[in-house]
């Protein structure tokens, strides 16, 4: 038995029939919907680039952009930022909201902790 998921397991995770999943793999199941591809990507635990590749193969176009609302970073990522001292470093969202920074960024740029969350946008500053 090889490592990884069997077709039946992937189909179950994606909530589609194993027969149809097999047909999709073989290229004879017709074009899947974006919803089905999202469920397969979730079932396979694909990364965002892998998900985009799946959409390009299945639909010939990238998926709709998904933005997640991010308010903070993990403690582990904050430790990485802190370790970059004395280099200023920040982490921003896709909409340029600053969600994390280190001490050097506070000294060089601004003290983001004194700003309300809604005002921590680089473009607005």
PDB file of N, CA and C in Angstrom:
ATOM      1  N   UNK A   1       0.845  -1.189   0.000  1.00  0.00           N
ATOM      2  CA  UNK A   1       0.000   0.000   0.000  1.00  0.00           C
ATOM      3  C   UNK A   1       0.883   1.242   0.000  1.00  0.00           C
ATOM      4  N   UNK A   2       0.575   2.173  -0.862  1.00  0.00           N
ATOM      5  CA  UNK A   2       1.374   3.380  -0.967  1.00  0.00           C
ATOM      6  C   UNK A   2       0.883   4.432   0.028  1.00  0.00           C
ATOM      7  N   UNK A   3       1.781   5.376   0.329  1.00  0.00           N
ATOM      8  CA  UNK A   3       1.415   6.451   1.224  1.00  0.00           C
ATOM      9  C   UNK A   3       0.454   7.400   0.526  1.00  0.00           C
ATOM     10  N   UNK A   4      -0.335   8.120   1.328  1.00  0.00           N
ATOM     11  CA  UNK A   4      -1.255   9.102   0.774  1.00  0.00           C
ATOM     12  C   UNK A   4      -2.686   8.637   0.881  1.00  0.00           C
ATOM     13  N   UNK A   5      -3.553   9.391   0.244  1.00  0.00           N
ATOM     14  CA  UNK A   5      -4.977   9.095   0.291  1.00  0.00           C
ATOM     15  C   UNK A   5      -5.404   8.267  -0.913  1.00  0.00           C
ATOM     16  N   UNK A   6      -6.333   7.362  -0.675  1.00  0.00           N
ATOM     17  CA  UNK A   6      -6.937   6.622  -1.771  1.00  0.00           C
ATOM     18  C   UNK A   6      -8.011   7.502  -2.401  1.00  0.00           C
ATOM     19  N   UNK A   7      -8.424   7.177  -3.612  1.00  0.00           N
ATOM     20  CA  UNK A   7      -9.462   7.944  -4.305  1.00  0.00           C
ATOM     21  C   UNK A   7     -10.730   8.053  -3.468  1.00  0.00           C
ATOM     22  N   UNK A   8     -11.098   6.951  -2.851  1.00  0.00           N
ATOM     23  CA  UNK A   8     -12.327   6.944  -2.045  1.00  0.00           C
ATOM     24  C   UNK A   8     -12.222   7.916  -0.879  1.00  0.00           C
ATOM     25  N   UNK A   9     -11.022   8.009  -0.294  1.00  0.00           N
ATOM     26  CA  UNK A   9     -10.823   8.919   0.839  1.00  0.00           C
ATOM     27  C   UNK A   9     -10.880  10.378   0.390  1.00  0.00           C
ATOM     28  N   UNK A  10     -10.288  10.678  -0.753  1.00  0.00           N
ATOM     29  CA  UNK A  10     -10.345  12.046  -1.275  1.00  0.00           C
ATOM     30  C   UNK A  10     -11.786  12.402  -1.620  1.00  0.00           C
ATOM     31  N   UNK A  11     -12.489  11.496  -2.274  1.00  0.00           N
ATOM     32  CA  UNK A  11     -13.882  11.747  -2.635  1.00  0.00           C
ATOM     33  C   UNK A  11     -14.739  11.971  -1.387  1.00  0.00           C
ATOM     34  N   UNK A  12     -14.493  11.196  -0.365  1.00  0.00           N
ATOM     35  CA  UNK A  12     -15.252  11.362   0.875  1.00  0.00           C
ATOM     36  C   UNK A  12     -14.956  12.719   1.508  1.00  0.00           C
ATOM     37  N   UNK A  13     -13.694  13.117   1.543  1.00  0.00           N
ATOM     38  CA  UNK A  13     -13.333  14.426   2.103  1.00  0.00           C
ATOM     39  C   UNK A  13     -13.931  15.572   1.299  1.00  0.00           C
ATOM     40  N   UNK A  14     -14.050  15.382  -0.029  1.00  0.00           N
ATOM     41  CA  UNK A  14     -14.584  16.424  -0.900  1.00  0.00           C
ATOM     42  C   UNK A  14     -16.108  16.346  -1.013  1.00  0.00           C
ATOM     43  N   UNK A  15     -16.698  15.319  -0.433  1.00  0.00           N
ATOM     44  CA  UNK A  15     -18.151  15.115  -0.461  1.00  0.00           C
ATOM     45  C   UNK A  15     -18.665  14.962  -1.897  1.00  0.00           C
ATOM     46  N   UNK A  16     -17.946  14.139  -2.684  1.00  0.00           N
ATOM     47  CA  UNK A  16     -18.395  13.780  -4.020  1.00  0.00           C
ATOM     48  C   UNK A  16     -18.302  12.265  -4.137  1.00  0.00           C
ATOM     49  N   UNK A  17     -18.925  11.709  -5.163  1.00  0.00           N
ATOM     50  CA  UNK A  17     -18.907  10.249  -5.291  1.00  0.00           C
ATOM     51  C   UNK A  17     -17.527   9.782  -5.765  1.00  0.00           C
ATOM     52  N   UNK A  18     -17.101   8.623  -5.287  1.00  0.00           N
ATOM     53  CA  UNK A  18     -15.810   8.086  -5.733  1.00  0.00           C
ATOM     54  C   UNK A  18     -15.754   7.851  -7.240  1.00  0.00           C
ATOM     55  N   UNK A  19     -16.882   7.450  -7.820  1.00  0.00           N
ATOM     56  CA  UNK A  19     -16.923   7.215  -9.268  1.00  0.00           C
ATOM     57  C   UNK A  19     -16.665   8.510 -10.023  1.00  0.00           C
ATOM     58  N   UNK A  20     -17.355   9.579  -9.616  1.00  0.00           N
ATOM     59  CA  UNK A  20     -17.170  10.849 -10.309  1.00  0.00           C
ATOM     60  C   UNK A  20     -15.764  11.389 -10.098  1.00  0.00           C
ATOM     61  N   UNK A  21     -15.209  11.221  -8.907  1.00  0.00           N
ATOM     62  CA  UNK A  21     -13.845  11.662  -8.660  1.00  0.00           C
ATOM     63  C   UNK A  21     -12.866  10.902  -9.567  1.00  0.00           C
ATOM     64  N   UNK A  22     -13.089   9.613  -9.729  1.00  0.00           N
ATOM     65  CA  UNK A  22     -12.248   8.807 -10.619  1.00  0.00           C
ATOM     66  C   UNK A  22     -12.355   9.319 -12.046  1.00  0.00           C
ATOM     67  N   UNK A  23     -13.587   9.597 -12.483  1.00  0.00           N
ATOM     68  CA  UNK A  23     -13.781  10.129 -13.836  1.00  0.00           C
ATOM     69  C   UNK A  23     -13.071  11.472 -14.000  1.00  0.00           C
ATOM     70  N   UNK A  24     -13.121  12.330 -12.973  1.00  0.00           N
ATOM     71  CA  UNK A  24     -12.428  13.615 -13.038  1.00  0.00           C
ATOM     72  C   UNK A  24     -10.925  13.406 -13.206  1.00  0.00           C
ATOM     73  N   UNK A  25     -10.378  12.462 -12.444  1.00  0.00           N
ATOM     74  CA  UNK A  25      -8.952  12.164 -12.573  1.00  0.00           C
ATOM     75  C   UNK A  25      -8.604  11.683 -13.972  1.00  0.00           C
ATOM     76  N   UNK A  26      -9.510  10.928 -14.585  1.00  0.00           N
ATOM     77  CA  UNK A  26      -9.259  10.360 -15.906  1.00  0.00           C
ATOM     78  C   UNK A  26      -9.641  11.310 -17.039  1.00  0.00           C
ATOM     79  N   UNK A  27     -10.194  12.465 -16.696  1.00  0.00           N
ATOM     80  CA  UNK A  27     -10.560  13.453 -17.702  1.00  0.00           C
ATOM     81  C   UNK A  27     -11.837  13.142 -18.444  1.00  0.00           C
ATOM     82  N   UNK A  28     -12.707  12.315 -17.893  1.00  0.00           N
ATOM     83  CA  UNK A  28     -13.956  11.992 -18.587  1.00  0.00           C
ATOM     84  C   UNK A  28     -15.197  12.313 -17.749  1.00  0.00           C
ATOM     85  N   UNK A  29     -15.026  13.112 -16.715  1.00  0.00           N
ATOM     86  CA  UNK A  29     -16.162  13.433 -15.854  1.00  0.00           C
ATOM     87  C   UNK A  29     -16.804  14.762 -16.166  1.00  0.00           C
ATOM     88  N   UNK A  30     -16.363  15.427 -17.224  1.00  0.00           N
ATOM     89  CA  UNK A  30     -16.887  16.754 -17.514  1.00  0.00           C
ATOM     90  C   UNK A  30     -16.158  17.786 -16.677  1.00  0.00           C
ATOM     91  N   UNK A  31     -16.459  19.039 -16.921  1.00  0.00           N
ATOM     92  CA  UNK A  31     -15.788  20.111 -16.195  1.00  0.00           C
ATOM     93  C   UNK A  31     -16.394  20.244 -14.795  1.00  0.00           C
ATOM     94  N   UNK A  32     -15.575  20.203 -13.770  1.00  0.00           N
ATOM     95  CA  UNK A  32     -16.093  20.375 -12.412  1.00  0.00           C
ATOM     96  C   UNK A  32     -16.405  21.843 -12.132  1.00  0.00           C
ATOM     97  N   UNK A  33     -17.264  22.071 -11.190  1.00  0.00           N
ATOM     98  CA  UNK A  33     -17.569  23.449 -10.801  1.00  0.00           C
ATOM     99  C   UNK A  33     -16.466  23.970  -9.888  1.00  0.00           C
ATOM    100  N   UNK A  34     -16.453  25.279  -9.697  1.00  0.00           N
ATOM    101  CA  UNK A  34     -15.478  25.890  -8.785  1.00  0.00           C
ATOM    102  C   UNK A  34     -15.687  25.369  -7.367  1.00  0.00           C
ATOM    103  N   UNK A  35     -16.945  25.132  -6.993  1.00  0.00           N
ATOM    104  CA  UNK A  35     -17.239  24.615  -5.656  1.00  0.00           C
ATOM    105  C   UNK A  35     -16.621  23.233  -5.460  1.00  0.00           C
ATOM    106  N   UNK A  36     -16.743  22.377  -6.459  1.00  0.00           N
ATOM    107  CA  UNK A  36     -16.167  21.033  -6.375  1.00  0.00           C
ATOM    108  C   UNK A  36     -14.648  21.110  -6.281  1.00  0.00           C
ATOM    109  N   UNK A  37     -14.040  21.977  -7.069  1.00  0.00           N
ATOM    110  CA  UNK A  37     -12.582  22.113  -7.007  1.00  0.00           C
ATOM    111  C   UNK A  37     -12.136  22.647  -5.652  1.00  0.00           C
ATOM    112  N   UNK A  38     -12.894  23.571  -5.080  1.00  0.00           N
ATOM    113  CA  UNK A  38     -12.570  24.056  -3.736  1.00  0.00           C
ATOM    114  C   UNK A  38     -12.668  22.938  -2.706  1.00  0.00           C
ATOM    115  N   UNK A  39     -13.691  22.097  -2.841  1.00  0.00           N
ATOM    116  CA  UNK A  39     -13.841  20.975  -1.896  1.00  0.00           C
ATOM    117  C   UNK A  39     -12.726  19.958  -2.061  1.00  0.00           C
ATOM    118  N   UNK A  40     -12.306  19.708  -3.295  1.00  0.00           N
ATOM    119  CA  UNK A  40     -11.189  18.784  -3.523  1.00  0.00           C
ATOM    120  C   UNK A  40      -9.903  19.382  -2.953  1.00  0.00           C
ATOM    121  N   UNK A  41      -9.685  20.673  -3.185  1.00  0.00           N
ATOM    122  CA  UNK A  41      -8.486  21.329  -2.654  1.00  0.00           C
ATOM    123  C   UNK A  41      -8.468  21.274  -1.133  1.00  0.00           C
ATOM    124  N   UNK A  42      -9.617  21.469  -0.509  1.00  0.00           N
ATOM    125  CA  UNK A  42      -9.697  21.386   0.949  1.00  0.00           C
ATOM    126  C   UNK A  42      -9.454  19.959   1.410  1.00  0.00           C
ATOM    127  N   UNK A  43     -10.050  18.999   0.710  1.00  0.00           N
ATOM    128  CA  UNK A  43      -9.872  17.590   1.072  1.00  0.00           C
ATOM    129  C   UNK A  43      -8.435  17.130   0.950  1.00  0.00           C
ATOM    130  N   UNK A  44      -7.728  17.654  -0.035  1.00  0.00           N
ATOM    131  CA  UNK A  44      -6.325  17.290  -0.236  1.00  0.00           C
ATOM    132  C   UNK A  44      -5.381  18.164   0.584  1.00  0.00           C
ATOM    133  N   UNK A  45      -5.935  19.156   1.293  1.00  0.00           N
ATOM    134  CA  UNK A  45      -5.158  20.093   2.107  1.00  0.00           C
ATOM    135  C   UNK A  45      -4.089  20.786   1.262  1.00  0.00           C
ATOM    136  N   UNK A  46      -4.505  21.309   0.103  1.00  0.00           N
ATOM    137  CA  UNK A  46      -3.585  21.965  -0.807  1.00  0.00           C
ATOM    138  C   UNK A  46      -3.222  23.354  -0.300  1.00  0.00           C
ATOM    139  N   UNK A  47      -2.017  23.773  -0.634  1.00  0.00           N
ATOM    140  CA  UNK A  47      -1.604  25.141  -0.347  1.00  0.00           C
ATOM    141  C   UNK A  47      -2.275  26.059  -1.376  1.00  0.00           C
ATOM    142  N   UNK A  48      -2.165  27.356  -1.174  1.00  0.00           N
ATOM    143  CA  UNK A  48      -2.793  28.301  -2.102  1.00  0.00           C
ATOM    144  C   UNK A  48      -2.236  28.179  -3.523  1.00  0.00           C
ATOM    145  N   UNK A  49      -0.915  28.067  -3.729  1.00  0.00           N
ATOM    146  CA  UNK A  49      -0.413  27.864  -5.101  1.00  0.00           C
ATOM    147  C   UNK A  49      -0.887  26.537  -5.709  1.00  0.00           C
ATOM    148  N   UNK A  50      -0.967  25.492  -4.907  1.00  0.00           N
ATOM    149  CA  UNK A  50      -1.457  24.207  -5.412  1.00  0.00           C
ATOM    150  C   UNK A  50      -2.930  24.304  -5.798  1.00  0.00           C
ATOM    151  N   UNK A  51      -3.705  25.040  -5.000  1.00  0.00           N
ATOM    152  CA  UNK A  51      -5.121  25.254  -5.301  1.00  0.00           C
ATOM    153  C   UNK A  51      -5.268  26.005  -6.625  1.00  0.00           C
ATOM    154  N   UNK A  52      -4.431  27.029  -6.838  1.00  0.00           N
ATOM    155  CA  UNK A  52      -4.474  27.771  -8.094  1.00  0.00           C
ATOM    156  C   UNK A  52      -4.144  26.858  -9.271  1.00  0.00           C
ATOM    157  N   UNK A  53      -3.162  25.986  -9.091  1.00  0.00           N
ATOM    158  CA  UNK A  53      -2.786  25.047 -10.155  1.00  0.00           C
ATOM    159  C   UNK A  53      -3.948  24.100 -10.461  1.00  0.00           C
ATOM    160  N   UNK A  54      -4.628  23.624  -9.423  1.00  0.00           N
ATOM    161  CA  UNK A  54      -5.790  22.749  -9.613  1.00  0.00           C
ATOM    162  C   UNK A  54      -6.862  23.458 -10.435  1.00  0.00           C
ATOM    163  N   UNK A  55      -7.117  24.721 -10.153  1.00  0.00           N
ATOM    164  CA  UNK A  55      -8.113  25.478 -10.905  1.00  0.00           C
ATOM    165  C   UNK A  55      -7.690  25.676 -12.355  1.00  0.00           C
ATOM    166  N   UNK A  56      -6.399  25.923 -12.559  1.00  0.00           N
ATOM    167  CA  UNK A  56      -5.919  26.085 -13.927  1.00  0.00           C
ATOM    168  C   UNK A  56      -6.097  24.794 -14.723  1.00  0.00           C
ATOM    169  N   UNK A  57      -5.858  23.667 -14.076  1.00  0.00           N
ATOM    170  CA  UNK A  57      -6.052  22.381 -14.749  1.00  0.00           C
ATOM    171  C   UNK A  57      -7.522  22.088 -14.974  1.00  0.00           C
ATOM    172  N   UNK A  58      -8.350  22.353 -13.966  1.00  0.00           N
ATOM    173  CA  UNK A  58      -9.764  21.978 -14.034  1.00  0.00           C
ATOM    174  C   UNK A  58     -10.640  22.936 -14.805  1.00  0.00           C
ATOM    175  N   UNK A  59     -10.363  24.241 -14.696  1.00  0.00           N
ATOM    176  CA  UNK A  59     -11.245  25.228 -15.323  1.00  0.00           C
ATOM    177  C   UNK A  59     -10.527  26.142 -16.314  1.00  0.00           C
ATOM    178  N   UNK A  60      -9.196  26.074 -16.353  1.00  0.00           N
ATOM    179  CA  UNK A  60      -8.449  26.926 -17.262  1.00  0.00           C
ATOM    180  C   UNK A  60      -8.338  28.365 -16.801  1.00  0.00           C
ATOM    181  N   UNK A  61      -8.638  28.602 -15.535  1.00  0.00           N
ATOM    182  CA  UNK A  61      -8.540  29.951 -14.968  1.00  0.00           C
ATOM    183  C   UNK A  61      -8.206  29.835 -13.494  1.00  0.00           C
ATOM    184  N   UNK A  62      -7.614  30.885 -12.926  1.00  0.00           N
ATOM    185  CA  UNK A  62      -7.328  30.838 -11.486  1.00  0.00           C
ATOM    186  C   UNK A  62      -8.620  30.988 -10.679  1.00  0.00           C
ATOM    187  N   UNK A  63      -8.587  30.577  -9.426  1.00  0.00           N
ATOM    188  CA  UNK A  63      -9.787  30.707  -8.587  1.00  0.00           C
ATOM    189  C   UNK A  63     -10.028  32.155  -8.195  1.00  0.00           C
ATOM    190  N   UNK A  64     -11.214  32.413  -7.689  1.00  0.00           N
ATOM    191  CA  UNK A  64     -11.520  33.730  -7.160  1.00  0.00           C
ATOM    192  C   UNK A  64     -10.577  34.004  -5.997  1.00  0.00           C
ATOM    193  N   UNK A  65     -10.170  35.242  -5.859  1.00  0.00           N
ATOM    194  CA  UNK A  65      -9.251  35.615  -4.793  1.00  0.00           C
ATOM    195  C   UNK A  65      -9.977  35.542  -3.455  1.00  0.00           C
ATOM    196  N   UNK A  66      -9.330  34.912  -2.489  1.00  0.00           N
ATOM    197  CA  UNK A  66      -9.911  34.805  -1.142  1.00  0.00           C
ATOM    198  C   UNK A  66      -9.034  35.596  -0.184  1.00  0.00           C
ATOM    199  N   UNK A  67      -9.609  36.608   0.401  1.00  0.00           N
ATOM    200  CA  UNK A  67      -8.890  37.378   1.406  1.00  0.00           C
ATOM    201  C   UNK A  67      -9.384  36.962   2.776  1.00  0.00           C
ATOM    202  N   UNK A  68      -8.444  36.713   3.648  1.00  0.00           N
ATOM    203  CA  UNK A  68      -8.799  36.394   5.027  1.00  0.00           C
ATOM    204  C   UNK A  68      -8.548  37.631   5.867  1.00  0.00           C
ATOM    205  N   UNK A  69      -9.471  37.894   6.768  1.00  0.00           N
ATOM    206  CA  UNK A  69      -9.304  39.021   7.663  1.00  0.00           C
ATOM    207  C   UNK A  69      -8.304  38.632   8.742  1.00  0.00           C
ATOM    208  N   UNK A  70      -7.175  39.314   8.767  1.00  0.00           N
ATOM    209  CA  UNK A  70      -6.106  38.984   9.696  1.00  0.00           C
ATOM    210  C   UNK A  70      -5.955  40.120  10.695  1.00  0.00           C
ATOM    211  N   UNK A  71      -6.080  39.809  11.968  1.00  0.00           N
ATOM    212  CA  UNK A  71      -5.937  40.826  13.002  1.00  0.00           C
ATOM    213  C   UNK A  71      -4.585  40.760  13.694  1.00  0.00           C
ATOM    214  N   UNK A  72      -3.948  39.608  13.668  1.00  0.00           N
ATOM    215  CA  UNK A  72      -2.676  39.456  14.360  1.00  0.00           C
ATOM    216  C   UNK A  72      -1.895  38.301  13.740  1.00  0.00           C
ATOM    217  N   UNK A  73      -0.716  38.075  14.263  1.00  0.00           N
ATOM    218  CA  UNK A  73       0.126  36.978  13.801  1.00  0.00           C
ATOM    219  C   UNK A  73       0.300  35.987  14.948  1.00  0.00           C
ATOM    220  N   UNK A  74       0.810  34.835  14.618  1.00  0.00           N
ATOM    221  CA  UNK A  74       1.058  33.830  15.645  1.00  0.00           C
ATOM    222  C   UNK A  74       2.233  34.267  16.515  1.00  0.00           C
ATOM    223  N   UNK A  75       2.289  33.790  17.747  1.00  0.00           N
ATOM    224  CA  UNK A  75       3.439  34.123  18.594  1.00  0.00           C
ATOM    225  C   UNK A  75       4.764  33.702  17.970  1.00  0.00           C
ATOM    226  N   UNK A  76       4.767  32.621  17.245  1.00  0.00           N
ATOM    227  CA  UNK A  76       5.985  32.141  16.594  1.00  0.00           C
ATOM    228  C   UNK A  76       6.481  33.146  15.550  1.00  0.00           C
ATOM    229  N   UNK A  77       5.557  33.677  14.749  1.00  0.00           N
ATOM    230  CA  UNK A  77       5.943  34.659  13.750  1.00  0.00           C
ATOM    231  C   UNK A  77       6.385  35.962  14.402  1.00  0.00           C
ATOM    232  N   UNK A  78       5.775  36.318  15.514  1.00  0.00           N
ATOM    233  CA  UNK A  78       6.204  37.517  16.226  1.00  0.00           C
ATOM    234  C   UNK A  78       7.625  37.350  16.752  1.00  0.00           C
ATOM    235  N   UNK A  79       7.985  36.149  17.208  1.00  0.00           N
ATOM    236  CA  UNK A  79       9.353  35.899  17.658  1.00  0.00           C
ATOM    237  C   UNK A  79      10.348  36.041  16.509  1.00  0.00           C
ATOM    238  N   UNK A  80       9.934  35.635  15.301  1.00  0.00           N
ATOM    239  CA  UNK A  80      10.798  35.800  14.135  1.00  0.00           C
ATOM    240  C   UNK A  80      11.037  37.286  13.875  1.00  0.00           C
ATOM    241  N   UNK A  81       9.975  38.077  13.937  1.00  0.00           N
ATOM    242  CA  UNK A  81      10.117  39.526  13.755  1.00  0.00           C
ATOM    243  C   UNK A  81      11.055  40.113  14.798  1.00  0.00           C
ATOM    244  N   UNK A  82      10.864  39.727  16.046  1.00  0.00           N
ATOM    245  CA  UNK A  82      11.692  40.249  17.127  1.00  0.00           C
ATOM    246  C   UNK A  82      13.160  39.851  16.956  1.00  0.00           C
ATOM    247  N   UNK A  83      13.405  38.693  16.371  1.00  0.00           N
ATOM    248  CA  UNK A  83      14.776  38.225  16.166  1.00  0.00           C
ATOM    249  C   UNK A  83      15.480  39.000  15.052  1.00  0.00           C
ATOM    250  N   UNK A  84      14.735  39.700  14.238  1.00  0.00           N
ATOM    251  CA  UNK A  84      15.331  40.471  13.140  1.00  0.00           C
ATOM    252  C   UNK A  84      15.922  41.795  13.600  1.00  0.00           C
ATOM    253  N   UNK A  85      15.754  42.121  14.866  1.00  0.00           N
ATOM    254  CA  UNK A  85      16.306  43.351  15.408  1.00  0.00           C
ATOM    255  C   UNK A  85      17.810  43.357  15.168  1.00  0.00           C
ATOM    256  N   UNK A  86      18.440  44.369  14.708  1.00  0.00           N
ATOM    257  CA  UNK A  86      18.031  45.768  14.616  1.00  0.00           C
ATOM    258  C   UNK A  86      17.425  46.169  13.277  1.00  0.00           C
ATOM    259  N   UNK A  87      17.067  45.224  12.434  1.00  0.00           N
ATOM    260  CA  UNK A  87      16.445  45.565  11.150  1.00  0.00           C
ATOM    261  C   UNK A  87      14.950  45.790  11.347  1.00  0.00           C
ATOM    262  N   UNK A  88      14.420  46.906  10.837  1.00  0.00           N
ATOM    263  CA  UNK A  88      12.979  47.126  10.963  1.00  0.00           C
ATOM    264  C   UNK A  88      12.207  46.147  10.090  1.00  0.00           C
ATOM    265  N   UNK A  89      11.157  45.574  10.641  1.00  0.00           N
ATOM    266  CA  UNK A  89      10.350  44.607   9.899  1.00  0.00           C
ATOM    267  C   UNK A  89       8.892  44.746  10.310  1.00  0.00           C
ATOM    268  N   UNK A  90       8.010  44.653   9.319  1.00  0.00           N
ATOM    269  CA  UNK A  90       6.575  44.668   9.572  1.00  0.00           C
ATOM    270  C   UNK A  90       5.927  43.552   8.780  1.00  0.00           C
ATOM    271  N   UNK A  91       4.728  43.189   9.172  1.00  0.00           N
ATOM    272  CA  UNK A  91       3.915  42.249   8.406  1.00  0.00           C
ATOM    273  C   UNK A  91       2.617  42.977   8.089  1.00  0.00           C
ATOM    274  N   UNK A  92       2.272  42.978   6.807  1.00  0.00           N
ATOM    275  CA  UNK A  92       1.073  43.666   6.362  1.00  0.00           C
ATOM    276  C   UNK A  92       0.152  42.685   5.654  1.00  0.00           C
ATOM    277  N   UNK A  93      -1.117  43.050   5.584  1.00  0.00           N
ATOM    278  CA  UNK A  93      -2.099  42.238   4.871  1.00  0.00           C
ATOM    279  C   UNK A  93      -2.094  42.628   3.396  1.00  0.00           C
ATOM    280  N   UNK A  94      -2.928  41.967   2.618  1.00  0.00           N
ATOM    281  CA  UNK A  94      -3.046  42.283   1.197  1.00  0.00           C
ATOM    282  C   UNK A  94      -3.600  43.687   0.978  1.00  0.00           C
ATOM    283  N   UNK A  95      -4.297  44.216   1.955  1.00  0.00           N
ATOM    284  CA  UNK A  95      -4.845  45.570   1.853  1.00  0.00           C
ATOM    285  C   UNK A  95      -3.967  46.587   2.579  1.00  0.00           C
ATOM    286  N   UNK A  96      -2.733  46.232   2.883  1.00  0.00           N
ATOM    287  CA  UNK A  96      -1.699  47.102   3.459  1.00  0.00           C
ATOM    288  C   UNK A  96      -1.966  47.495   4.909  1.00  0.00           C
ATOM    289  N   UNK A  97      -2.742  46.720   5.630  1.00  0.00           N
ATOM    290  CA  UNK A  97      -2.918  46.955   7.059  1.00  0.00           C
ATOM    291  C   UNK A  97      -1.760  46.294   7.802  1.00  0.00           C
ATOM    292  N   UNK A  98      -1.113  47.021   8.684  1.00  0.00           N
ATOM    293  CA  UNK A  98       0.004  46.483   9.450  1.00  0.00           C
ATOM    294  C   UNK A  98      -0.561  45.671  10.612  1.00  0.00           C
ATOM    295  N   UNK A  99      -0.149  44.404  10.704  1.00  0.00           N
ATOM    296  CA  UNK A  99      -0.652  43.540  11.770  1.00  0.00           C
ATOM    297  C   UNK A  99       0.434  43.146  12.767  1.00  0.00           C
ATOM    298  N   UNK A 100       1.701  43.340  12.401  1.00  0.00           N
ATOM    299  CA  UNK A 100       2.790  43.009  13.328  1.00  0.00           C
ATOM    300  C   UNK A 100       4.023  43.819  12.942  1.00  0.00           C
ATOM    301  N   UNK A 101       4.876  44.068  13.939  1.00  0.00           N
ATOM    302  CA  UNK A 101       6.081  44.857  13.735  1.00  0.00           C
ATOM    303  C   UNK A 101       7.068  44.534  14.840  1.00  0.00           C
ATOM    304  N   UNK A 102       8.311  44.938  14.641  1.00  0.00           N
ATOM    305  CA  UNK A 102       9.317  44.737  15.682  1.00  0.00           C
ATOM    306  C   UNK A 102       9.737  46.099  16.257  1.00  0.00           C
ATOM    307  N   UNK A 103      10.622  46.059  17.232  1.00  0.00           N
ATOM    308  CA  UNK A 103      11.041  47.274  17.934  1.00  0.00           C
ATOM    309  C   UNK A 103      11.733  48.255  16.990  1.00  0.00           C
ATOM    310  N   UNK A 104      12.542  47.758  16.067  1.00  0.00           N
ATOM    311  CA  UNK A 104      13.240  48.639  15.129  1.00  0.00           C
ATOM    312  C   UNK A 104      12.247  49.360  14.212  1.00  0.00           C
ATOM    313  N   UNK A 105      11.183  48.691  13.812  1.00  0.00           N
ATOM    314  CA  UNK A 105      10.157  49.344  12.987  1.00  0.00           C
ATOM    315  C   UNK A 105       9.455  50.437  13.773  1.00  0.00           C
ATOM    316  N   UNK A 106       9.262  50.215  15.067  1.00  0.00           N
ATOM    317  CA  UNK A 106       8.654  51.237  15.919  1.00  0.00           C
ATOM    318  C   UNK A 106       9.545  52.473  15.974  1.00  0.00           C
ATOM    319  N   UNK A 107      10.842  52.271  16.087  1.00  0.00           N
ATOM    320  CA  UNK A 107      11.770  53.398  16.174  1.00  0.00           C
ATOM    321  C   UNK A 107      11.912  54.126  14.837  1.00  0.00           C
ATOM    322  N   UNK A 108      11.958  53.385  13.734  1.00  0.00           N
ATOM    323  CA  UNK A 108      12.201  53.991  12.433  1.00  0.00           C
ATOM    324  C   UNK A 108      10.930  54.517  11.763  1.00  0.00           C
ATOM    325  N   UNK A 109       9.858  53.754  11.830  1.00  0.00           N
ATOM    326  CA  UNK A 109       8.637  54.111  11.110  1.00  0.00           C
ATOM    327  C   UNK A 109       7.650  54.854  12.016  1.00  0.00           C
ATOM    328  N   UNK A 110       6.954  54.114  12.838  1.00  0.00           N
ATOM    329  CA  UNK A 110       6.007  54.692  13.796  1.00  0.00           C
ATOM    330  C   UNK A 110       5.654  53.628  14.813  1.00  0.00           C
ATOM    331  N   UNK A 111       5.133  54.046  15.943  1.00  0.00           N
ATOM    332  CA  UNK A 111       4.703  53.096  16.960  1.00  0.00           C
ATOM    333  C   UNK A 111       3.262  52.701  16.656  1.00  0.00           C
ATOM    334  N   UNK A 112       3.127  51.580  15.943  1.00  0.00           N
ATOM    335  CA  UNK A 112       1.805  51.125  15.525  1.00  0.00           C
ATOM    336  C   UNK A 112       0.912  50.763  16.714  1.00  0.00           C
ATOM    337  N   UNK A 113       1.498  50.445  17.846  1.00  0.00           N
ATOM    338  CA  UNK A 113       0.689  50.078  19.009  1.00  0.00           C
ATOM    339  C   UNK A 113      -0.102  51.268  19.549  1.00  0.00           C
ATOM    340  N   UNK A 114       0.335  52.481  19.253  1.00  0.00           N
ATOM    341  CA  UNK A 114      -0.382  53.674  19.709  1.00  0.00           C
ATOM    342  C   UNK A 114      -1.514  54.069  18.768  1.00  0.00           C
ATOM    343  N   UNK A 115      -1.550  53.439  17.587  1.00  0.00           N
ATOM    344  CA  UNK A 115      -2.612  53.735  16.619  1.00  0.00           C
ATOM    345  C   UNK A 115      -3.754  52.737  16.773  1.00  0.00           C
ATOM    346  N   UNK A 116      -5.001  53.179  16.615  1.00  0.00           N
ATOM    347  CA  UNK A 116      -6.109  52.215  16.575  1.00  0.00           C
ATOM    348  C   UNK A 116      -5.942  51.289  15.373  1.00  0.00           C
ATOM    349  N   UNK A 117      -6.457  50.076  15.470  1.00  0.00           N
ATOM    350  CA  UNK A 117      -6.295  49.079  14.396  1.00  0.00           C
ATOM    351  C   UNK A 117      -6.701  49.626  13.027  1.00  0.00           C
ATOM    352  N   UNK A 118      -7.796  50.358  12.961  1.00  0.00           N
ATOM    353  CA  UNK A 118      -8.288  50.843  11.667  1.00  0.00           C
ATOM    354  C   UNK A 118      -7.397  51.919  11.050  1.00  0.00           C
ATOM    355  N   UNK A 119      -6.453  52.454  11.801  1.00  0.00           N
ATOM    356  CA  UNK A 119      -5.541  53.485  11.286  1.00  0.00           C
ATOM    357  C   UNK A 119      -4.147  52.940  10.988  1.00  0.00           C
ATOM    358  N   UNK A 120      -3.939  51.656  11.120  1.00  0.00           N
ATOM    359  CA  UNK A 120      -2.628  51.031  10.876  1.00  0.00           C
ATOM    360  C   UNK A 120      -2.486  50.608   9.411  1.00  0.00           C
ATOM    361  N   UNK A 121      -2.826  51.489   8.500  1.00  0.00           N
ATOM    362  CA  UNK A 121      -2.733  51.185   7.081  1.00  0.00           C
ATOM    363  C   UNK A 121      -1.593  51.995   6.478  1.00  0.00           C
ATOM    364  N   UNK A 122      -0.664  51.319   5.832  1.00  0.00           N
ATOM    365  CA  UNK A 122       0.522  51.968   5.291  1.00  0.00           C
ATOM    366  C   UNK A 122       0.142  53.009   4.231  1.00  0.00           C
ATOM    367  N   UNK A 123      -0.792  52.682   3.385  1.00  0.00           N
ATOM    368  CA  UNK A 123      -1.161  53.609   2.318  1.00  0.00           C
ATOM    369  C   UNK A 123      -1.809  54.881   2.873  1.00  0.00           C
ATOM    370  N   UNK A 124      -2.605  54.740   3.892  1.00  0.00           N
ATOM    371  CA  UNK A 124      -3.236  55.919   4.505  1.00  0.00           C
ATOM    372  C   UNK A 124      -2.250  56.741   5.293  1.00  0.00           C
ATOM    373  N   UNK A 125      -1.301  56.070   5.935  1.00  0.00           N
ATOM    374  CA  UNK A 125      -0.282  56.810   6.686  1.00  0.00           C
ATOM    375  C   UNK A 125       0.598  57.603   5.738  1.00  0.00           C
TER     376      UNK A 125
END
